[in-house]
N, C-alpha and C. Protein backbone atom coordinates (compact mmCIF):
# COMPACT_ATOMS: atom_id res chain seq x y z
N MET A 1 20.15 -19.94 11.62
CA MET A 1 19.11 -20.90 11.89
C MET A 1 17.76 -20.20 11.76
N ILE A 2 16.82 -20.80 11.05
CA ILE A 2 15.51 -20.21 10.82
C ILE A 2 14.47 -20.98 11.64
N THR A 3 13.59 -20.25 12.29
CA THR A 3 12.52 -20.85 13.07
C THR A 3 11.18 -20.48 12.45
N GLN A 4 10.30 -21.43 12.27
CA GLN A 4 8.98 -21.13 11.73
C GLN A 4 8.14 -20.56 12.86
N ILE A 5 7.58 -19.36 12.64
CA ILE A 5 6.77 -18.70 13.65
C ILE A 5 5.30 -19.06 13.45
N LYS A 6 4.76 -18.83 12.28
CA LYS A 6 3.40 -19.25 11.96
C LYS A 6 3.23 -19.22 10.46
N ASP A 7 2.49 -20.16 9.94
CA ASP A 7 2.23 -20.31 8.52
C ASP A 7 3.50 -20.13 7.70
N ASN A 8 3.53 -19.14 6.82
CA ASN A 8 4.68 -18.97 5.93
C ASN A 8 5.63 -17.86 6.39
N TYR A 9 5.61 -17.51 7.65
CA TYR A 9 6.49 -16.47 8.13
C TYR A 9 7.63 -17.11 8.91
N CYS A 10 8.80 -16.53 8.82
CA CYS A 10 9.94 -17.07 9.55
C CYS A 10 10.79 -15.93 10.05
N ALA A 11 11.62 -16.25 11.03
CA ALA A 11 12.52 -15.25 11.58
C ALA A 11 13.72 -15.97 12.18
N PRO A 12 14.85 -15.29 12.30
CA PRO A 12 15.99 -15.92 12.91
C PRO A 12 15.75 -16.17 14.40
N LYS A 13 16.35 -17.23 14.91
CA LYS A 13 16.24 -17.55 16.32
C LYS A 13 17.16 -16.60 17.08
N VAL A 14 16.62 -15.86 18.05
CA VAL A 14 17.41 -14.90 18.81
C VAL A 14 17.12 -15.08 20.29
N ALA A 15 17.90 -14.41 21.10
CA ALA A 15 17.73 -14.48 22.54
C ALA A 15 16.38 -13.91 22.96
N GLN A 16 15.89 -14.35 24.10
CA GLN A 16 14.61 -13.88 24.61
C GLN A 16 14.80 -12.51 25.25
N GLY A 17 13.90 -11.59 24.99
CA GLY A 17 13.93 -10.25 25.54
C GLY A 17 12.94 -9.39 24.79
N ALA A 18 12.52 -8.29 25.40
CA ALA A 18 11.50 -7.43 24.79
C ALA A 18 11.95 -6.90 23.44
N PHE A 19 13.19 -6.41 23.35
CA PHE A 19 13.68 -5.88 22.09
C PHE A 19 13.72 -6.97 21.03
N TYR A 20 14.24 -8.12 21.39
CA TYR A 20 14.37 -9.20 20.42
C TYR A 20 13.02 -9.74 19.99
N LYS A 21 12.04 -9.78 20.89
CA LYS A 21 10.70 -10.22 20.52
C LYS A 21 10.10 -9.27 19.49
N LYS A 22 10.27 -7.97 19.70
CA LYS A 22 9.79 -6.99 18.73
C LYS A 22 10.53 -7.15 17.41
N PHE A 23 11.84 -7.39 17.49
CA PHE A 23 12.63 -7.58 16.29
C PHE A 23 12.15 -8.80 15.52
N VAL A 24 11.88 -9.88 16.23
CA VAL A 24 11.41 -11.10 15.58
C VAL A 24 10.05 -10.86 14.93
N LEU A 25 9.16 -10.16 15.63
CA LEU A 25 7.85 -9.86 15.04
C LEU A 25 8.01 -8.98 13.80
N PHE A 26 8.94 -8.02 13.86
CA PHE A 26 9.20 -7.18 12.70
C PHE A 26 9.66 -8.03 11.52
N LEU A 27 10.61 -8.94 11.79
CA LEU A 27 11.11 -9.79 10.72
C LEU A 27 10.02 -10.71 10.19
N CYS A 28 9.17 -11.20 11.09
CA CYS A 28 8.07 -12.06 10.64
C CYS A 28 7.16 -11.31 9.69
N TYR A 29 6.94 -10.04 9.99
CA TYR A 29 6.08 -9.23 9.13
C TYR A 29 6.75 -8.95 7.79
N ARG A 30 8.04 -8.69 7.81
CA ARG A 30 8.74 -8.25 6.60
C ARG A 30 9.24 -9.38 5.72
N MET A 31 9.48 -10.54 6.30
CA MET A 31 10.06 -11.63 5.51
C MET A 31 9.00 -12.69 5.25
N ARG A 32 8.95 -13.14 4.07
CA ARG A 32 8.09 -14.26 3.72
C ARG A 32 8.97 -15.40 3.28
N ALA A 33 8.62 -16.55 3.70
CA ALA A 33 9.42 -17.72 3.33
C ALA A 33 8.55 -18.70 2.57
N VAL A 34 9.08 -19.23 1.52
CA VAL A 34 8.43 -20.30 0.79
C VAL A 34 9.08 -21.57 1.29
N GLN A 35 8.29 -22.42 1.87
CA GLN A 35 8.85 -23.62 2.46
C GLN A 35 8.52 -24.81 1.58
N THR A 36 9.53 -25.56 1.28
CA THR A 36 9.34 -26.73 0.43
C THR A 36 9.82 -27.96 1.15
N HIS A 37 9.15 -29.05 0.94
CA HIS A 37 9.49 -30.32 1.57
C HIS A 37 10.61 -30.97 0.74
N THR A 38 11.72 -31.23 1.37
CA THR A 38 12.85 -31.80 0.66
C THR A 38 12.79 -33.32 0.70
N GLU A 39 13.65 -33.97 -0.04
CA GLU A 39 13.68 -35.44 -0.11
C GLU A 39 14.03 -36.07 1.23
N THR A 40 14.73 -35.34 2.09
CA THR A 40 15.13 -35.90 3.38
C THR A 40 14.06 -35.66 4.45
N LYS A 41 12.87 -35.34 4.05
CA LYS A 41 11.74 -35.09 4.94
C LYS A 41 11.99 -33.90 5.87
N GLY A 42 12.84 -32.98 5.47
CA GLY A 42 13.08 -31.77 6.23
C GLY A 42 12.46 -30.58 5.52
N TRP A 43 12.56 -29.42 6.11
CA TRP A 43 12.01 -28.21 5.50
C TRP A 43 13.14 -27.28 5.11
N GLU A 44 12.99 -26.67 3.98
CA GLU A 44 13.96 -25.71 3.49
C GLU A 44 13.24 -24.38 3.34
N ALA A 45 13.78 -23.33 3.95
CA ALA A 45 13.17 -22.01 3.87
C ALA A 45 13.90 -21.18 2.82
N THR A 46 13.15 -20.54 1.96
CA THR A 46 13.72 -19.71 0.91
C THR A 46 13.04 -18.35 0.96
N ASP A 47 13.82 -17.30 1.10
CA ASP A 47 13.27 -15.96 1.09
C ASP A 47 12.91 -15.57 -0.33
N THR A 48 11.76 -14.90 -0.50
CA THR A 48 11.37 -14.43 -1.81
C THR A 48 10.99 -12.96 -1.72
N LEU A 49 11.33 -12.23 -2.74
CA LEU A 49 10.92 -10.85 -2.86
C LEU A 49 9.95 -10.75 -4.01
N THR A 50 8.82 -10.11 -3.76
CA THR A 50 7.85 -9.94 -4.82
C THR A 50 7.56 -8.45 -4.98
N THR A 51 7.57 -7.99 -6.20
CA THR A 51 7.21 -6.61 -6.49
C THR A 51 6.22 -6.60 -7.63
N THR A 52 5.37 -5.61 -7.60
CA THR A 52 4.42 -5.43 -8.68
C THR A 52 4.46 -3.97 -9.11
N ASP A 53 3.94 -3.71 -10.28
CA ASP A 53 3.86 -2.33 -10.74
C ASP A 53 2.82 -1.56 -9.94
N ASP A 54 1.84 -2.27 -9.40
CA ASP A 54 0.78 -1.63 -8.63
C ASP A 54 1.17 -1.52 -7.16
N SER A 55 2.20 -0.76 -6.87
CA SER A 55 2.68 -0.68 -5.51
C SER A 55 2.51 0.70 -4.90
N CYS A 56 1.74 1.58 -5.54
CA CYS A 56 1.52 2.93 -5.03
C CYS A 56 0.04 3.28 -5.09
N SER A 57 -0.34 4.20 -4.21
CA SER A 57 -1.71 4.71 -4.20
C SER A 57 -1.69 6.22 -4.35
N LEU A 58 -2.62 6.74 -5.11
CA LEU A 58 -2.81 8.18 -5.24
C LEU A 58 -3.85 8.59 -4.21
N ILE A 59 -3.41 9.34 -3.19
CA ILE A 59 -4.27 9.73 -2.09
C ILE A 59 -4.72 11.17 -2.30
N VAL A 60 -6.03 11.40 -2.22
CA VAL A 60 -6.58 12.75 -2.27
C VAL A 60 -7.08 13.08 -0.87
N TRP A 61 -6.72 14.26 -0.39
CA TRP A 61 -7.01 14.68 0.98
C TRP A 61 -8.16 15.68 1.01
N ASN A 62 -8.95 15.62 2.07
CA ASN A 62 -10.07 16.55 2.26
C ASN A 62 -9.55 17.92 2.66
N ASP A 63 -10.28 18.95 2.26
CA ASP A 63 -10.00 20.31 2.72
C ASP A 63 -11.32 21.06 2.79
N GLU A 64 -11.27 22.27 3.29
CA GLU A 64 -12.49 23.08 3.43
C GLU A 64 -12.61 24.10 2.31
N VAL A 65 -11.79 23.99 1.27
CA VAL A 65 -11.76 24.99 0.22
C VAL A 65 -12.47 24.50 -1.05
N ASN A 66 -12.14 23.31 -1.51
CA ASN A 66 -12.66 22.82 -2.79
C ASN A 66 -14.07 22.24 -2.64
N THR A 67 -14.88 22.48 -3.66
CA THR A 67 -16.26 21.99 -3.64
C THR A 67 -16.31 20.56 -4.15
N PHE A 68 -17.43 19.89 -3.84
CA PHE A 68 -17.63 18.54 -4.34
C PHE A 68 -17.58 18.52 -5.87
N GLU A 69 -18.20 19.50 -6.49
CA GLU A 69 -18.25 19.54 -7.96
C GLU A 69 -16.86 19.63 -8.56
N TRP A 70 -15.99 20.44 -7.94
CA TRP A 70 -14.63 20.62 -8.46
C TRP A 70 -13.82 19.33 -8.30
N VAL A 71 -13.96 18.66 -7.15
CA VAL A 71 -13.24 17.41 -6.92
C VAL A 71 -13.75 16.34 -7.88
N ILE A 72 -15.06 16.26 -8.07
CA ILE A 72 -15.65 15.28 -8.99
C ILE A 72 -15.16 15.51 -10.41
N GLU A 73 -15.20 16.75 -10.84
CA GLU A 73 -14.74 17.09 -12.19
C GLU A 73 -13.26 16.74 -12.36
N THR A 74 -12.45 17.04 -11.35
CA THR A 74 -11.02 16.74 -11.41
C THR A 74 -10.77 15.24 -11.51
N LEU A 75 -11.45 14.45 -10.68
CA LEU A 75 -11.26 13.00 -10.71
C LEU A 75 -11.69 12.41 -12.04
N MET A 76 -12.74 12.96 -12.63
CA MET A 76 -13.19 12.46 -13.94
C MET A 76 -12.17 12.79 -15.03
N GLU A 77 -11.66 14.01 -15.03
CA GLU A 77 -10.75 14.43 -16.09
C GLU A 77 -9.33 13.87 -15.92
N VAL A 78 -8.83 13.87 -14.69
CA VAL A 78 -7.44 13.47 -14.46
C VAL A 78 -7.29 11.96 -14.32
N CYS A 79 -8.18 11.35 -13.55
CA CYS A 79 -8.05 9.92 -13.24
C CYS A 79 -8.87 9.02 -14.16
N GLY A 80 -9.76 9.60 -14.94
CA GLY A 80 -10.58 8.80 -15.84
C GLY A 80 -11.74 8.10 -15.15
N HIS A 81 -12.16 8.60 -13.97
CA HIS A 81 -13.28 7.99 -13.27
C HIS A 81 -14.59 8.34 -13.96
N THR A 82 -15.57 7.46 -13.80
CA THR A 82 -16.93 7.80 -14.23
C THR A 82 -17.49 8.80 -13.22
N GLU A 83 -18.64 9.38 -13.55
CA GLU A 83 -19.25 10.35 -12.64
C GLU A 83 -19.61 9.68 -11.31
N GLN A 84 -20.13 8.47 -11.36
CA GLN A 84 -20.49 7.76 -10.13
C GLN A 84 -19.25 7.45 -9.29
N GLN A 85 -18.19 7.00 -9.92
CA GLN A 85 -16.96 6.71 -9.18
C GLN A 85 -16.42 7.97 -8.52
N ALA A 86 -16.41 9.06 -9.27
CA ALA A 86 -15.89 10.32 -8.75
C ALA A 86 -16.74 10.83 -7.59
N GLU A 87 -18.06 10.69 -7.69
CA GLU A 87 -18.94 11.10 -6.59
C GLU A 87 -18.68 10.26 -5.34
N GLN A 88 -18.55 8.95 -5.52
CA GLN A 88 -18.29 8.08 -4.38
C GLN A 88 -16.95 8.39 -3.74
N CYS A 89 -15.93 8.61 -4.57
CA CYS A 89 -14.61 8.96 -4.04
C CYS A 89 -14.67 10.26 -3.25
N SER A 90 -15.36 11.27 -3.77
CA SER A 90 -15.43 12.56 -3.09
C SER A 90 -16.18 12.46 -1.76
N MET A 91 -17.19 11.61 -1.70
CA MET A 91 -17.90 11.41 -0.42
C MET A 91 -16.99 10.73 0.61
N ILE A 92 -16.23 9.74 0.17
CA ILE A 92 -15.31 9.06 1.08
C ILE A 92 -14.22 10.03 1.54
N ILE A 93 -13.71 10.84 0.62
CA ILE A 93 -12.69 11.84 0.97
C ILE A 93 -13.26 12.79 2.02
N HIS A 94 -14.49 13.21 1.84
CA HIS A 94 -15.13 14.16 2.75
C HIS A 94 -15.35 13.55 4.13
N THR A 95 -15.79 12.29 4.18
CA THR A 95 -16.13 11.69 5.47
C THR A 95 -14.91 11.13 6.21
N ARG A 96 -13.95 10.57 5.48
CA ARG A 96 -12.80 9.95 6.14
C ARG A 96 -11.56 10.85 6.18
N GLY A 97 -11.56 11.89 5.40
CA GLY A 97 -10.42 12.80 5.39
C GLY A 97 -9.42 12.56 4.28
N LYS A 98 -9.41 11.35 3.73
CA LYS A 98 -8.54 11.02 2.61
C LYS A 98 -9.06 9.75 1.98
N TYR A 99 -8.60 9.51 0.73
CA TYR A 99 -9.00 8.27 0.06
C TYR A 99 -8.01 7.98 -1.07
N ALA A 100 -7.72 6.70 -1.24
CA ALA A 100 -6.86 6.26 -2.35
C ALA A 100 -7.73 6.15 -3.59
N VAL A 101 -7.69 7.16 -4.44
CA VAL A 101 -8.56 7.22 -5.60
C VAL A 101 -8.06 6.39 -6.78
N LYS A 102 -6.77 6.01 -6.73
CA LYS A 102 -6.19 5.26 -7.83
C LYS A 102 -4.98 4.49 -7.34
N GLU A 103 -4.76 3.30 -7.89
CA GLU A 103 -3.57 2.52 -7.59
C GLU A 103 -2.83 2.23 -8.88
N GLY A 104 -1.51 2.17 -8.78
CA GLY A 104 -0.69 1.89 -9.96
C GLY A 104 0.77 2.12 -9.66
N SER A 105 1.55 2.17 -10.71
CA SER A 105 2.98 2.41 -10.53
C SER A 105 3.22 3.90 -10.27
N TYR A 106 4.35 4.18 -9.66
CA TYR A 106 4.70 5.57 -9.36
C TYR A 106 4.75 6.41 -10.62
N ASP A 107 5.34 5.84 -11.67
CA ASP A 107 5.47 6.58 -12.94
C ASP A 107 4.12 6.94 -13.54
N THR A 108 3.12 6.12 -13.33
CA THR A 108 1.78 6.40 -13.84
C THR A 108 1.06 7.43 -12.98
N LEU A 109 1.23 7.33 -11.66
CA LEU A 109 0.49 8.18 -10.74
C LEU A 109 1.08 9.57 -10.56
N LYS A 110 2.38 9.74 -10.77
CA LYS A 110 3.03 11.04 -10.55
C LYS A 110 2.44 12.15 -11.41
N PRO A 111 2.24 11.97 -12.71
CA PRO A 111 1.62 13.04 -13.50
C PRO A 111 0.19 13.34 -13.06
N GLN A 112 -0.55 12.31 -12.64
CA GLN A 112 -1.91 12.53 -12.18
C GLN A 112 -1.92 13.30 -10.86
N CYS A 113 -0.99 12.97 -9.97
CA CYS A 113 -0.87 13.69 -8.70
C CYS A 113 -0.53 15.16 -8.95
N ASP A 114 0.39 15.40 -9.87
CA ASP A 114 0.76 16.78 -10.19
C ASP A 114 -0.43 17.54 -10.78
N ALA A 115 -1.20 16.90 -11.65
CA ALA A 115 -2.36 17.56 -12.26
C ALA A 115 -3.41 17.90 -11.21
N ILE A 116 -3.61 17.00 -10.24
CA ILE A 116 -4.59 17.26 -9.19
C ILE A 116 -4.13 18.41 -8.29
N THR A 117 -2.85 18.42 -7.91
CA THR A 117 -2.36 19.49 -7.05
C THR A 117 -2.33 20.83 -7.78
N GLU A 118 -2.11 20.83 -9.09
CA GLU A 118 -2.16 22.07 -9.86
C GLU A 118 -3.56 22.68 -9.85
N ARG A 119 -4.57 21.86 -9.62
CA ARG A 119 -5.96 22.35 -9.54
C ARG A 119 -6.32 22.78 -8.12
N GLY A 120 -5.37 22.77 -7.21
CA GLY A 120 -5.60 23.25 -5.86
C GLY A 120 -6.13 22.20 -4.89
N ILE A 121 -6.08 20.95 -5.27
CA ILE A 121 -6.54 19.85 -4.41
C ILE A 121 -5.31 19.14 -3.87
N ASN A 122 -5.32 18.87 -2.58
CA ASN A 122 -4.18 18.20 -1.95
C ASN A 122 -4.17 16.72 -2.33
N ALA A 123 -3.04 16.27 -2.87
CA ALA A 123 -2.89 14.87 -3.26
C ALA A 123 -1.45 14.44 -3.02
N THR A 124 -1.29 13.18 -2.64
CA THR A 124 0.03 12.61 -2.42
C THR A 124 0.06 11.19 -2.99
N ILE A 125 1.27 10.67 -3.13
CA ILE A 125 1.44 9.28 -3.56
C ILE A 125 2.05 8.53 -2.38
N GLU A 126 1.42 7.42 -2.02
CA GLU A 126 1.93 6.60 -0.93
C GLU A 126 2.30 5.23 -1.48
N VAL A 127 3.44 4.73 -1.03
CA VAL A 127 3.90 3.40 -1.40
C VAL A 127 3.37 2.43 -0.35
N PHE A 128 2.80 1.33 -0.78
CA PHE A 128 2.31 0.35 0.17
C PHE A 128 2.88 -1.01 -0.16
N GLU A 129 2.94 -1.85 0.86
CA GLU A 129 3.46 -3.20 0.70
C GLU A 129 2.33 -4.18 0.83
N ARG A 130 2.41 -5.21 0.02
CA ARG A 130 1.35 -6.22 0.05
C ARG A 130 1.75 -7.35 0.94
């Protein structure tokens, strides 16, 4: 049995309790339901999975070793950023500690991440959900 929690989120009806409430909230976050009005004036819930190629971020981390010029040059050469983009990214990296300098598929970002780390700059790839 499916219960509508809010808008397009749904979760199974479970017993009341702290664990189950957390479980329901988790399911609400993870499951999306497309609800369609049927001919019998009822609601039908259908789970959908959506994936895109742009599901990863290339994160560059701040350190006390690399200079702004080196990070800017690296972002321009490896990621194809303009000088202004690379400068802005390096400032954000410096002030916030990390920044997603590029988004795309894992296969696209992996060689760029490797090229950045080979230059002595800390970089990782993070998968995110929309």
